[in-house]
């Protein structure tokens, strides 16, 4: 591997490996076992494609993400009530700060924004200085400190003396740093634990031959990774019950303890991990490449000395940063690094639509909770309704991973990333449209009509059960759009930029929170119908634009996968594909 150093490249025993002569040129740790051979072009066209078994190290990383998300959703589940309602008000939902829905939704959007801005810092620290493993350990400690601040400032004495709100704000800032350092690194690290790159043919026990495809394996890894996220998300069931039946300090103590377990679980797997060392100052080098490319391109254009490719077309502006074209041997980068940077930039283009997706998704943690509070939830707290979303995902991801997606492949219908993301966006638009219809129905019911849940008002005469389809639609949108976004951010990022590209994808969630601030003025009665309807319309429009702008990416991905079969042509094929701007 020319572009990275790996402390431990394979979890398999060397005695189990087939000593073949052919090795992947960029990953010389690639290997074959008995009853395996490299796939040919005919194999790729004729044989059934399957994913590989997941390595043990991946399960340790998945367990770490489960614990971290248990902590995150455990503390955020009660946030809306904690901020919106007063402390121990008779015949009211639980609360502490009594800030109203505007403050609750605004602080919730700020927290989401902050938690998805900080992954950029975590990515830079990991890729340039500390590596993913050490970065996750350090930021886990920061995470624990933030949770302790939140727990201690939510005890009754602190609430009575006005310490709840400042304590919450400080805790949000510290927790945001902690989760940012973890999230940008744990996602790429889980996929790095699978160390096989070239498609190969495996003969099964029944004699059938199948193509074991890295693309499908990585897709499956992120499906189960996202499944673990949502299992952890069920912690909000426990914390909202504790908030209702005990107090908020108990609700926040449980995820704080889980945060300790998160750190222990991650460190326990340290001897099994594939650990990729940091690669130096990628951000600074990338900046210099972009500046050099623009400067050299402008100079060549002014002198009428544009460089042509093999087809007689002008090369892209970034190609002019390549030492082979600029003839400047003083650069500390290679042609390959320029191609990798272009691949990273091109990959990030597809993320531009995601802020609108996250705008809709974030409704389940604020306005949909308040909407449930306007309806009859029976004996359960209103903020428990949001847990329908992770429950649906936990049930549906194994079905999609084992039955639906393989079923499409057997029929010759490969759902490539842009297609899956588009389907997810459609489900998101439908979820928000349905939420608008629900809100309209709530406003037509008495006894409080469009003032239900305000002040001392109770709920209208309507069951919160009608919210369930909205959460099912949100869950479907996540399976298609969110999981695929994680997968795409990893697969399309160069080896040296995995964490940075992943952090850019996560930053789109911060963009969704910024859009959420724009909706703050209509995030309360009697404007919530308008709120959900506008979000639905925006998502529908973005979906159409997204599909027409990026549908050709699916064909490009298929070409790239085919090019990986012939090593002698791989670098040329990838270079040609990445040169398309």
Protein backbone atom coordinates (compact mmCIF):
# COMPACT_ATOMS: atom_id res chain seq x y z
CA UNK A 1 0.00 0.00 0.00
CA UNK A 2 1.80 3.05 -1.24
CA UNK A 3 -0.45 5.70 0.27
CA UNK A 4 -0.89 4.49 3.83
CA UNK A 5 0.76 2.64 6.66
CA UNK A 6 -1.13 -0.10 8.41
CA UNK A 7 -0.09 -1.57 11.74
CA UNK A 8 -2.10 -4.73 11.18
CA UNK A 9 -3.39 -5.50 7.73
CA UNK A 10 -5.35 -8.71 8.16
CA UNK A 11 -7.23 -10.50 10.89
CA UNK A 12 -6.87 -13.83 9.09
CA UNK A 13 -4.18 -16.37 9.91
CA UNK A 14 -1.44 -16.43 7.22
CA UNK A 15 -1.74 -20.24 7.15
CA UNK A 16 -5.30 -19.89 5.84
CA UNK A 17 -4.33 -17.75 2.87
CA UNK A 18 -3.81 -19.00 -0.64
CA UNK A 19 -0.35 -17.96 -1.84
CA UNK A 20 -1.44 -16.64 -5.23
CA UNK A 21 0.86 -14.65 -7.50
CA UNK A 22 -1.62 -11.86 -8.24
CA UNK A 23 -1.93 -9.09 -5.68
CA UNK A 24 -3.78 -5.80 -5.76
CA UNK A 25 -1.20 -3.11 -6.71
CA UNK A 26 -2.55 -0.50 -4.28
CA UNK A 27 -3.39 -3.00 -1.52
CA UNK A 28 -0.73 -5.70 -1.40
CA UNK A 29 -2.44 -7.21 1.63
CA UNK A 30 -5.24 -8.43 -0.64
CA UNK A 31 -5.33 -12.21 -0.79
CA UNK A 32 -7.13 -15.38 -1.83
CA UNK A 33 -8.10 -18.39 0.27
CA UNK A 34 -8.70 -21.95 -0.86
CA UNK A 35 -11.65 -22.33 -3.23
CA UNK A 36 -11.27 -18.69 -4.27
CA UNK A 37 -9.98 -17.01 -7.42
CA UNK A 38 -9.97 -13.48 -8.83
CA UNK A 39 -13.17 -12.57 -10.66
CA UNK A 40 -13.09 -12.07 -14.41
CA UNK A 41 -15.30 -9.79 -16.48
CA UNK A 42 -17.44 -12.80 -17.44
CA UNK A 43 -17.80 -13.77 -13.77
CA UNK A 44 -19.00 -10.27 -12.95
CA UNK A 45 -21.66 -10.48 -15.65
CA UNK A 46 -22.87 -14.06 -15.07
CA UNK A 47 -22.42 -15.02 -11.41
CA UNK A 48 -24.51 -13.85 -8.48
CA UNK A 49 -22.91 -11.07 -6.40
CA UNK A 50 -22.82 -11.36 -2.60
CA UNK A 51 -21.23 -9.55 0.31
CA UNK A 52 -18.50 -11.09 2.43
CA UNK A 53 -18.50 -12.02 6.10
CA UNK A 54 -17.74 -9.13 8.45
CA UNK A 55 -14.45 -9.20 10.40
CA UNK A 56 -14.52 -9.41 14.19
CA UNK A 57 -12.85 -6.00 14.57
CA UNK A 58 -15.80 -4.36 12.79
CA UNK A 59 -18.13 -5.60 15.52
CA UNK A 60 -16.08 -3.83 18.20
CA UNK A 61 -16.36 -0.57 16.26
CA UNK A 62 -20.10 -1.14 15.74
CA UNK A 63 -20.47 -1.78 19.50
CA UNK A 64 -18.67 1.50 20.17
CA UNK A 65 -21.06 3.36 17.87
CA UNK A 66 -24.02 1.69 19.58
CA UNK A 67 -22.83 2.94 22.97
CA UNK A 68 -22.12 6.45 21.67
CA UNK A 69 -25.54 6.73 20.01
CA UNK A 70 -27.18 5.28 23.15
CA UNK A 71 -25.61 8.20 25.01
CA UNK A 72 -26.46 10.81 22.37
CA UNK A 73 -30.11 9.88 21.86
CA UNK A 74 -30.51 9.18 25.56
CA UNK A 75 -29.68 12.79 26.44
CA UNK A 76 -31.39 14.45 23.45
CA UNK A 77 -34.64 12.50 23.85
CA UNK A 78 -35.78 14.58 26.87
CA UNK A 79 -34.33 17.90 25.58
CA UNK A 80 -37.56 19.28 24.08
CA UNK A 81 -39.57 18.82 27.28
CA UNK A 82 -36.58 19.76 29.47
CA UNK A 83 -36.34 23.16 27.80
CA UNK A 84 -39.97 23.83 26.82
CA UNK A 85 -41.91 23.06 30.02
CA UNK A 86 -41.78 24.22 33.63
CA UNK A 87 -40.45 22.10 36.50
CA UNK A 88 -43.06 19.83 38.08
CA UNK A 89 -46.08 21.80 36.89
CA UNK A 90 -49.28 19.91 37.84
CA UNK A 91 -51.19 18.25 34.97
CA UNK A 92 -48.41 19.09 32.50
CA UNK A 93 -45.65 17.28 30.66
CA UNK A 94 -42.27 16.99 32.45
CA UNK A 95 -39.98 20.01 32.18
CA UNK A 96 -37.33 22.12 33.89
CA UNK A 97 -36.41 25.40 32.16
CA UNK A 98 -39.88 26.65 31.07
CA UNK A 99 -38.47 28.30 27.92
CA UNK A 100 -41.39 27.54 25.56
CA UNK A 101 -41.41 25.80 22.18
CA UNK A 102 -39.45 28.51 20.34
CA UNK A 103 -36.47 28.26 22.74
CA UNK A 104 -36.66 24.47 22.85
CA UNK A 105 -36.66 24.13 19.07
CA UNK A 106 -33.97 26.82 18.67
CA UNK A 107 -31.60 25.24 21.21
CA UNK A 108 -32.29 21.83 19.68
CA UNK A 109 -31.32 23.14 16.25
CA UNK A 110 -28.20 24.78 17.71
CA UNK A 111 -27.15 21.51 19.33
CA UNK A 112 -27.67 19.57 16.09
CA UNK A 113 -25.71 22.22 14.19
CA UNK A 114 -22.85 22.16 16.66
CA UNK A 115 -22.65 18.36 16.83
CA UNK A 116 -22.34 18.13 13.05
CA UNK A 117 -19.93 21.05 12.67
CA UNK A 118 -17.34 19.63 15.07
CA UNK A 119 -16.70 16.43 13.04
CA UNK A 120 -14.60 18.60 10.70
CA UNK A 121 -12.20 19.34 13.58
CA UNK A 122 -12.20 15.68 14.61
CA UNK A 123 -11.40 14.63 11.04
CA UNK A 124 -8.49 17.05 10.69
CA UNK A 125 -7.01 15.93 14.01
CA UNK A 126 -7.33 12.25 13.05
CA UNK A 127 -6.12 12.46 9.45
CA UNK A 128 -3.23 14.83 10.16
CA UNK A 129 -2.03 14.19 13.70
CA UNK A 130 -3.40 11.44 15.94
CA UNK A 131 -5.04 8.81 13.77
CA UNK A 132 -8.60 7.58 14.21
CA UNK A 133 -8.06 5.30 17.23
CA UNK A 134 -6.37 7.88 19.48
CA UNK A 135 -8.76 10.63 18.37
CA UNK A 136 -11.80 8.55 19.31
CA UNK A 137 -10.30 7.76 22.74
CA UNK A 138 -9.47 11.42 23.54
CA UNK A 139 -12.84 12.77 22.41
CA UNK A 140 -14.67 10.02 24.33
CA UNK A 141 -13.19 11.50 27.50
CA UNK A 142 -14.43 14.96 26.43
CA UNK A 143 -17.86 13.42 25.80
CA UNK A 144 -17.95 11.97 29.33
CA UNK A 145 -17.10 15.36 30.86
CA UNK A 146 -19.97 17.01 28.95
CA UNK A 147 -22.42 14.37 30.13
CA UNK A 148 -21.32 14.83 33.74
CA UNK A 149 -21.97 18.59 33.46
CA UNK A 150 -25.47 17.94 32.09
CA UNK A 151 -26.30 15.39 34.78
CA UNK A 152 -25.08 17.51 37.70
CA UNK A 153 -26.87 20.68 36.55
CA UNK A 154 -30.18 18.81 36.13
CA UNK A 155 -30.53 17.88 39.82
CA UNK A 156 -33.45 19.63 41.62
CA UNK A 157 -31.22 22.04 43.56
CA UNK A 158 -29.59 23.28 40.35
CA UNK A 159 -32.96 23.70 38.60
CA UNK A 160 -34.42 25.67 41.51
CA UNK A 161 -31.39 28.00 41.56
CA UNK A 162 -31.45 28.68 37.81
CA UNK A 163 -28.49 26.46 36.91
CA UNK A 164 -30.33 24.25 34.42
CA UNK A 165 -30.16 26.54 31.37
CA UNK A 166 -26.50 27.68 31.65
CA UNK A 167 -25.51 24.12 32.55
CA UNK A 168 -27.35 22.81 29.52
CA UNK A 169 -25.65 25.28 27.16
CA UNK A 170 -22.16 24.46 28.51
CA UNK A 171 -22.92 20.73 28.33
CA UNK A 172 -24.14 21.07 24.75
CA UNK A 173 -20.88 22.74 23.71
CA UNK A 174 -18.66 20.15 25.43
CA UNK A 175 -20.74 17.18 24.26
CA UNK A 176 -20.69 18.60 20.74
CA UNK A 177 -16.90 18.53 20.76
CA UNK A 178 -16.92 14.96 22.04
CA UNK A 179 -19.42 13.52 19.59
CA UNK A 180 -17.80 15.37 16.68
CA UNK A 181 -14.43 13.76 17.32
CA UNK A 182 -16.03 10.33 17.49
CA UNK A 183 -18.53 10.49 14.61
CA UNK A 184 -16.14 11.61 11.87
CA UNK A 185 -13.79 8.71 12.61
CA UNK A 186 -15.87 5.76 13.73
CA UNK A 187 -17.77 5.52 10.40
CA UNK A 188 -14.70 5.17 8.13
CA UNK A 189 -12.91 3.06 10.74
CA UNK A 190 -15.62 0.39 10.71
CA UNK A 191 -15.29 -0.09 6.94
CA UNK A 192 -11.49 -0.09 7.13
CA UNK A 193 -11.67 -3.30 9.14
CA UNK A 194 -12.59 -5.18 5.93
CA UNK A 195 -9.31 -5.65 4.09
CA UNK A 196 -10.26 -7.25 0.76
CA UNK A 197 -10.47 -5.02 -2.31
CA UNK A 198 -10.60 -6.87 -5.61
CA UNK A 199 -13.79 -8.86 -6.49
CA UNK A 200 -13.17 -12.61 -6.24
CA UNK A 201 -15.08 -15.82 -6.87
CA UNK A 202 -15.82 -18.16 -3.97
CA UNK A 203 -17.10 -21.72 -4.33
CA UNK A 204 -19.81 -22.43 -1.76
CA UNK A 205 -20.30 -25.77 0.00
CA UNK A 206 -23.04 -26.75 -2.47
CA UNK A 207 -20.65 -26.20 -5.38
CA UNK A 208 -22.21 -22.90 -6.49
CA UNK A 209 -19.82 -20.11 -7.41
CA UNK A 210 -20.56 -16.50 -6.40
CA UNK A 211 -18.72 -13.20 -6.81
CA UNK A 212 -17.78 -11.71 -3.44
CA UNK A 213 -18.06 -7.99 -4.07
CA UNK A 214 -16.37 -5.40 -1.83
CA UNK A 215 -19.00 -2.82 -2.82
CA UNK A 216 -21.79 -5.01 -1.45
CA UNK A 217 -19.76 -5.86 1.65
CA UNK A 218 -19.22 -2.19 2.47
CA UNK A 219 -22.92 -1.54 1.80
CA UNK A 220 -23.80 -4.32 4.26
CA UNK A 221 -21.31 -3.01 6.83
CA UNK A 222 -22.96 0.42 6.80
CA UNK A 223 -26.44 -1.13 6.91
CA UNK A 224 -25.55 -2.93 10.13
CA UNK A 225 -23.64 0.09 11.39
CA UNK A 226 -26.79 2.17 10.95
CA UNK A 227 -28.82 -0.63 12.55
CA UNK A 228 -26.59 -0.36 15.65
CA UNK A 229 -27.08 3.42 15.67
CA UNK A 230 -30.83 2.95 15.88
CA UNK A 231 -30.65 0.21 18.50
CA UNK A 232 -28.71 2.74 20.55
CA UNK A 233 -31.35 5.32 19.69
CA UNK A 234 -33.91 3.31 21.65
CA UNK A 235 -32.26 4.65 24.80
CA UNK A 236 -34.67 7.58 24.48
CA UNK A 237 -37.46 5.18 25.56
CA UNK A 238 -35.69 4.59 28.87
CA UNK A 239 -34.65 8.21 29.42
CA UNK A 240 -38.07 9.67 28.64
CA UNK A 241 -39.65 7.19 31.07
CA UNK A 242 -37.06 8.16 33.71
CA UNK A 243 -37.77 11.85 33.05
CA UNK A 244 -41.49 11.21 33.60
CA UNK A 245 -41.34 8.82 36.55
CA UNK A 246 -38.16 9.84 38.40
CA UNK A 247 -36.50 13.10 37.29
CA UNK A 248 -34.22 14.52 34.63
CA UNK A 249 -31.00 13.82 36.57
CA UNK A 250 -31.82 10.11 36.42
CA UNK A 251 -32.64 10.38 32.71
CA UNK A 252 -29.20 11.89 32.03
CA UNK A 253 -27.27 9.65 34.45
CA UNK A 254 -28.08 6.48 32.45
CA UNK A 255 -26.47 7.67 29.17
CA UNK A 256 -23.54 9.14 31.13
CA UNK A 257 -22.78 5.67 32.51
CA UNK A 258 -23.12 4.20 29.02
CA UNK A 259 -20.55 6.73 27.82
CA UNK A 260 -18.00 5.14 30.17
CA UNK A 261 -18.87 1.72 28.74
CA UNK A 262 -18.43 3.13 25.22
CA UNK A 263 -14.81 4.02 25.94
CA UNK A 264 -14.10 0.66 27.59
CA UNK A 265 -15.66 -1.31 24.70
CA UNK A 266 -13.63 0.58 22.11
CA UNK A 267 -10.31 0.16 23.91
CA UNK A 268 -10.96 -3.56 24.41
CA UNK A 269 -10.76 -4.15 20.66
CA UNK A 270 -7.49 -2.25 20.13
CA UNK A 271 -5.41 -5.38 19.39
CA UNK A 272 -7.79 -6.46 16.63
CA UNK A 273 -8.13 -3.20 14.72
CA UNK A 274 -6.74 -2.31 11.35
CA UNK A 275 -5.19 1.04 12.30
CA UNK A 276 -4.24 3.47 9.55
CA UNK A 277 -1.69 6.06 10.55
CA UNK A 278 -2.23 9.82 9.92
CA UNK A 279 -0.99 11.15 6.60
CA UNK A 280 0.15 14.67 7.49
CA UNK A 281 -1.28 18.05 6.59
CA UNK A 282 -3.89 17.06 3.98
CA UNK A 283 -5.89 20.30 4.31
CA UNK A 284 -2.88 22.56 3.68
CA UNK A 285 -1.63 20.39 0.82
CA UNK A 286 -5.11 20.34 -0.77
CA UNK A 287 -5.29 24.13 -0.58
CA UNK A 288 -1.92 24.45 -2.32
CA UNK A 289 -2.99 22.02 -5.06
CA UNK A 290 -6.15 24.02 -5.76
CA UNK A 291 -4.21 27.31 -5.86
CA UNK A 292 -1.56 25.81 -8.16
CA UNK A 293 -4.20 24.32 -10.45
CA UNK A 294 -6.05 27.62 -10.84
CA UNK A 295 -2.85 29.63 -11.31
CA UNK A 296 -1.33 27.26 -13.88
CA UNK A 297 -4.60 26.89 -15.77
CA UNK A 298 -5.04 30.66 -16.09
CA UNK A 299 -1.45 31.00 -17.28
CA UNK A 300 -1.86 28.22 -19.88
CA UNK A 301 -5.12 29.74 -21.10
CA UNK A 302 -3.59 33.20 -21.42
CA UNK A 303 -0.66 31.77 -23.40
CA UNK A 304 -2.98 29.57 -25.50
CA UNK A 305 -1.11 26.47 -24.32
CA UNK A 306 -3.98 24.33 -23.02
CA UNK A 307 -3.18 20.63 -22.53
CA UNK A 308 -5.34 18.03 -24.30
CA UNK A 309 -6.15 14.50 -23.20
CA UNK A 310 -6.02 11.38 -25.41
CA UNK A 311 -9.41 12.23 -26.93
CA UNK A 312 -8.31 15.73 -27.87
CA UNK A 313 -10.34 17.42 -25.12
CA UNK A 314 -8.86 20.01 -22.71
CA UNK A 315 -7.94 18.52 -19.35
CA UNK A 316 -9.58 19.89 -16.20
CA UNK A 317 -8.17 22.90 -14.38
CA UNK A 318 -7.00 20.80 -11.45
CA UNK A 319 -4.81 18.70 -13.77
CA UNK A 320 -2.56 21.73 -14.16
CA UNK A 321 -1.40 21.18 -10.56
CA UNK A 322 0.06 17.79 -11.54
CA UNK A 323 3.87 17.75 -11.59
CA UNK A 324 3.74 15.82 -14.88
CA UNK A 325 1.94 18.74 -16.56
CA UNK A 326 3.32 21.76 -14.72
CA UNK A 327 6.89 20.33 -14.88
CA UNK A 328 7.41 21.81 -11.41
CA UNK A 329 9.36 19.20 -9.47
CA UNK A 330 9.38 21.30 -6.28
CA UNK A 331 5.80 20.28 -5.41
CA UNK A 332 5.43 17.91 -2.45
CA UNK A 333 2.47 16.10 -4.07
CA UNK A 334 2.09 13.59 -6.88
CA UNK A 335 -0.24 13.23 -9.86
CA UNK A 336 -2.10 10.57 -7.89
CA UNK A 337 -2.78 12.98 -5.01
CA UNK A 338 -4.31 15.49 -7.46
CA UNK A 339 -6.58 12.76 -8.84
CA UNK A 340 -7.55 11.76 -5.29
CA UNK A 341 -8.37 15.36 -4.38
CA UNK A 342 -10.56 15.70 -7.46
CA UNK A 343 -12.35 12.47 -6.51
CA UNK A 344 -12.99 13.87 -3.02
CA UNK A 345 -14.34 17.17 -4.39
CA UNK A 346 -16.56 15.35 -6.87
CA UNK A 347 -17.87 13.07 -4.12
CA UNK A 348 -18.79 16.04 -1.96
CA UNK A 349 -20.96 17.57 -4.71
CA UNK A 350 -23.57 14.89 -4.16
CA UNK A 351 -23.96 15.98 -0.52
CA UNK A 352 -25.32 19.42 -1.43
CA UNK A 353 -28.94 18.20 -1.29
CA UNK A 354 -28.62 16.60 2.15
CA UNK A 355 -29.25 19.73 4.30
CA UNK A 356 -32.86 19.68 3.05
CA UNK A 357 -33.12 15.99 3.93
CA UNK A 358 -31.83 16.64 7.45
CA UNK A 359 -34.22 19.60 7.81
CA UNK A 360 -37.07 17.13 7.46
CA UNK A 361 -35.45 14.44 9.56
CA UNK A 362 -34.75 16.82 12.47
CA UNK A 363 -38.47 17.43 12.85
CA UNK A 364 -38.74 14.12 14.73
CA UNK A 365 -36.62 15.53 17.57
CA UNK A 366 -38.49 18.82 17.96
CA UNK A 367 -41.73 19.75 16.19
CA UNK A 368 -43.09 16.20 15.92
CA UNK A 369 -42.53 15.80 19.67
CA UNK A 370 -44.50 18.98 20.29
CA UNK A 371 -47.13 17.75 17.82
CA UNK A 372 -47.51 14.54 19.86
CA UNK A 373 -48.00 16.73 22.95
CA UNK A 374 -51.08 18.23 21.24
CA UNK A 375 -52.70 14.78 21.03
CA UNK A 376 -53.72 12.08 23.47
CA UNK A 377 -50.70 9.86 24.16
CA UNK A 378 -52.38 7.83 26.88
CA UNK A 379 -50.14 6.99 29.82
CA UNK A 380 -46.83 7.50 28.00
CA UNK A 381 -44.90 10.79 27.65
CA UNK A 382 -45.21 12.61 24.34
CA UNK A 383 -41.48 12.45 23.58
CA UNK A 384 -41.53 8.64 23.56
CA UNK A 385 -43.22 8.73 20.12
CA UNK A 386 -39.92 9.55 18.38
CA UNK A 387 -38.68 6.05 19.19
CA UNK A 388 -41.01 4.59 16.56
CA UNK A 389 -38.40 5.69 14.01
CA UNK A 390 -35.46 3.62 15.36
CA UNK A 391 -37.80 0.68 16.05
CA UNK A 392 -38.87 0.66 12.39
CA UNK A 393 -35.24 0.86 11.24
CA UNK A 394 -34.20 -2.02 13.51
CA UNK A 395 -36.92 -4.18 11.98
CA UNK A 396 -36.49 -3.07 8.37
CA UNK A 397 -32.69 -2.96 7.89
CA UNK A 398 -32.23 -6.77 8.19
CA UNK A 399 -35.15 -7.23 5.77
CA UNK A 400 -33.65 -4.84 3.24
CA UNK A 401 -30.09 -6.18 3.68
CA UNK A 402 -31.00 -9.88 3.48
CA UNK A 403 -34.10 -9.95 1.28
CA UNK A 404 -35.07 -6.78 -0.60
CA UNK A 405 -31.70 -5.55 -1.94
CA UNK A 406 -30.50 -9.10 -2.85
CA UNK A 407 -33.91 -9.69 -4.45
CA UNK A 408 -33.43 -6.66 -6.70
CA UNK A 409 -29.97 -7.93 -7.67
CA UNK A 410 -31.35 -11.38 -8.57
CA UNK A 411 -33.79 -9.64 -10.91
CA UNK A 412 -30.90 -7.73 -12.49
CA UNK A 413 -31.92 -4.43 -10.88
CA UNK A 414 -28.92 -2.99 -9.03
CA UNK A 415 -29.98 -0.02 -6.88
CA UNK A 416 -26.88 2.14 -7.09
CA UNK A 417 -26.24 5.07 -4.72
CA UNK A 418 -27.95 7.96 -6.54
CA UNK A 419 -31.06 5.85 -7.15
CA UNK A 420 -31.22 4.82 -3.48
CA UNK A 421 -30.67 8.38 -2.27
CA UNK A 422 -33.42 9.66 -4.60
CA UNK A 423 -35.86 7.07 -3.25
CA UNK A 424 -34.95 8.15 0.29
CA UNK A 425 -35.61 11.79 -0.55
CA UNK A 426 -39.06 10.85 -1.92
CA UNK A 427 -39.94 9.11 1.35
CA UNK A 428 -38.74 12.18 3.28
CA UNK A 429 -41.01 14.50 1.26
CA UNK A 430 -43.95 12.14 1.84
CA UNK A 431 -43.25 12.04 5.60
CA UNK A 432 -43.40 15.81 5.87
CA UNK A 433 -46.54 16.00 3.70
CA UNK A 434 -48.23 13.46 5.98
CA UNK A 435 -47.12 15.45 9.05
CA UNK A 436 -48.75 18.58 7.58
CA UNK A 437 -52.01 16.65 7.10
CA UNK A 438 -51.86 15.42 10.71
CA UNK A 439 -51.31 18.96 11.97
CA UNK A 440 -54.29 20.21 9.98
CA UNK A 441 -56.46 17.47 11.51
CA UNK A 442 -55.24 18.41 15.02
CA UNK A 443 -56.21 22.06 14.48
CA UNK A 444 -59.74 21.02 13.47
CA UNK A 445 -60.30 19.12 16.73
CA UNK A 446 -61.32 20.52 20.10
CA UNK A 447 -61.24 21.50 22.79
CA UNK A 448 -58.15 23.65 22.13
CA UNK A 449 -57.99 23.59 18.30
CA UNK A 450 -54.88 25.51 17.11
CA UNK A 451 -53.76 26.34 20.67
CA UNK A 452 -53.38 22.78 21.96
CA UNK A 453 -50.33 22.34 24.19
CA UNK A 454 -49.80 26.08 24.64
CA UNK A 455 -49.35 27.29 28.21
CA UNK A 456 -51.71 25.40 30.50
CA UNK A 457 -53.76 24.03 27.59
CA UNK A 458 -54.05 20.29 27.30
CA UNK A 459 -54.34 18.12 24.20
CA UNK A 460 -57.05 17.91 21.56
CA UNK A 461 -59.39 14.96 21.22
CA UNK A 462 -57.30 12.91 18.82
CA UNK A 463 -55.00 9.88 19.30
CA UNK A 464 -51.25 10.30 18.79
CA UNK A 465 -51.33 6.93 17.04
CA UNK A 466 -51.96 8.70 13.73
CA UNK A 467 -48.33 9.88 13.87
CA UNK A 468 -47.01 6.34 13.29
CA UNK A 469 -47.02 6.44 9.44
CA UNK A 470 -44.93 9.64 9.54
CA UNK A 471 -42.20 7.86 11.53
CA UNK A 472 -42.35 4.81 9.24
CA UNK A 473 -41.80 7.07 6.22
CA UNK A 474 -38.89 8.83 7.97
CA UNK A 475 -37.35 5.43 8.75
CA UNK A 476 -37.61 4.37 5.10
CA UNK A 477 -36.01 7.64 4.02
CA UNK A 478 -33.07 6.98 6.35
CA UNK A 479 -32.51 3.44 5.07
CA UNK A 480 -32.29 4.68 1.49
CA UNK A 481 -30.69 8.13 1.91
CA UNK A 482 -28.81 8.30 5.19
CA UNK A 483 -27.21 4.84 5.08
CA UNK A 484 -26.26 5.34 1.42
CA UNK A 485 -24.74 8.74 2.26
CA UNK A 486 -22.44 7.13 4.85
CA UNK A 487 -21.53 4.39 2.38
CA UNK A 488 -20.88 6.84 -0.45
CA UNK A 489 -18.77 9.15 1.74
CA UNK A 490 -16.52 6.22 2.58
CA UNK A 491 -16.32 4.47 -0.79
CA UNK A 492 -15.73 7.60 -2.86
CA UNK A 493 -13.17 9.18 -0.53
CA UNK A 494 -9.45 8.63 -1.28
CA UNK A 495 -7.53 6.62 1.32
CA UNK A 496 -5.86 9.73 2.75
CA UNK A 497 -9.13 11.69 3.13
CA UNK A 498 -11.65 9.21 4.56
CA UNK A 499 -12.37 11.10 7.79
CA UNK A 500 -12.42 14.52 6.10
CA UNK A 501 -14.92 13.48 3.41
CA UNK A 502 -17.03 11.74 6.08
CA UNK A 503 -16.99 14.95 8.14
CA UNK A 504 -18.21 16.91 5.10
CA UNK A 505 -21.15 14.50 4.82
CA UNK A 506 -21.89 14.88 8.53
CA UNK A 507 -21.64 18.66 8.18
CA UNK A 508 -24.69 18.56 5.91
CA UNK A 509 -26.67 17.77 9.06
CA UNK A 510 -25.42 21.09 10.46
CA UNK A 511 -26.72 22.67 7.27
CA UNK A 512 -30.11 21.17 8.04
CA UNK A 513 -30.01 22.78 11.47
CA UNK A 514 -29.20 26.17 9.90
CA UNK A 515 -32.24 25.76 7.66
CA UNK A 516 -34.20 24.84 10.78
CA UNK A 517 -33.38 28.24 12.30
CA UNK A 518 -35.03 29.84 9.26
CA UNK A 519 -38.24 28.00 10.19
CA UNK A 520 -38.13 28.97 13.86
CA UNK A 521 -40.79 31.68 13.46
CA UNK A 522 -43.33 29.13 12.20
CA UNK A 523 -42.28 26.29 14.52
CA UNK A 524 -45.18 26.87 16.90
CA UNK A 525 -48.97 27.14 16.91
CA UNK A 526 -50.83 28.08 14.79
CA UNK A 527 -48.24 27.87 11.97
CA UNK A 528 -47.14 24.22 12.12
CA UNK A 529 -49.17 23.14 9.07
CA UNK A 530 -47.26 25.72 7.04
CA UNK A 531 -43.98 24.52 8.60
CA UNK A 532 -44.41 20.88 7.53
CA UNK A 533 -45.94 21.73 4.12
CA UNK A 534 -43.07 24.03 3.11
CA UNK A 535 -40.46 21.46 4.16
CA UNK A 536 -42.27 18.80 2.12
CA UNK A 537 -42.40 21.06 -0.94
CA UNK A 538 -38.71 21.95 -0.64
CA UNK A 539 -37.76 18.29 -0.34
CA UNK A 540 -39.83 17.35 -3.39
CA UNK A 541 -38.22 20.07 -5.50
CA UNK A 542 -34.71 19.20 -4.33
CA UNK A 543 -35.34 15.52 -5.12
CA UNK A 544 -36.16 16.25 -8.77
CA UNK A 545 -33.15 18.55 -9.20
CA UNK A 546 -30.83 16.09 -7.43
CA UNK A 547 -31.81 13.15 -9.63
CA UNK A 548 -31.33 15.00 -12.90
CA UNK A 549 -27.99 16.48 -11.81
CA UNK A 550 -26.43 13.27 -10.51
CA UNK A 551 -28.15 10.28 -12.16
CA UNK A 552 -25.09 9.77 -14.40
CA UNK A 553 -23.01 9.06 -11.27
CA UNK A 554 -24.59 5.58 -11.09
CA UNK A 555 -23.27 4.69 -14.55
CA UNK A 556 -19.87 6.10 -13.63
CA UNK A 557 -19.75 3.92 -10.52
CA UNK A 558 -20.51 0.81 -12.59
CA UNK A 559 -17.64 1.71 -14.94
CA UNK A 560 -15.26 2.20 -12.02
CA UNK A 561 -16.20 -1.18 -10.56
CA UNK A 562 -15.56 -2.83 -13.93
CA UNK A 563 -12.17 -1.09 -14.21
CA UNK A 564 -11.05 -2.67 -10.92
CA UNK A 565 -11.01 -6.09 -12.59
CA UNK A 566 -7.95 -5.31 -14.71
CA UNK A 567 -5.14 -3.93 -12.61
CA UNK A 568 -3.03 -2.81 -15.49
CA UNK A 569 -5.81 -0.44 -16.58
CA UNK A 570 -7.09 0.60 -13.17
CA UNK A 571 -5.08 3.79 -12.67
CA UNK A 572 -5.77 4.99 -16.22
CA UNK A 573 -9.49 4.25 -15.93
CA UNK A 574 -9.88 6.00 -12.59
CA UNK A 575 -7.83 8.96 -13.80
CA UNK A 576 -10.00 9.29 -16.88
CA UNK A 577 -13.19 9.08 -14.85
CA UNK A 578 -12.07 11.57 -12.23
CA UNK A 579 -11.03 14.07 -14.87
CA UNK A 580 -14.69 14.63 -15.75
CA UNK A 581 -15.66 17.87 -13.97
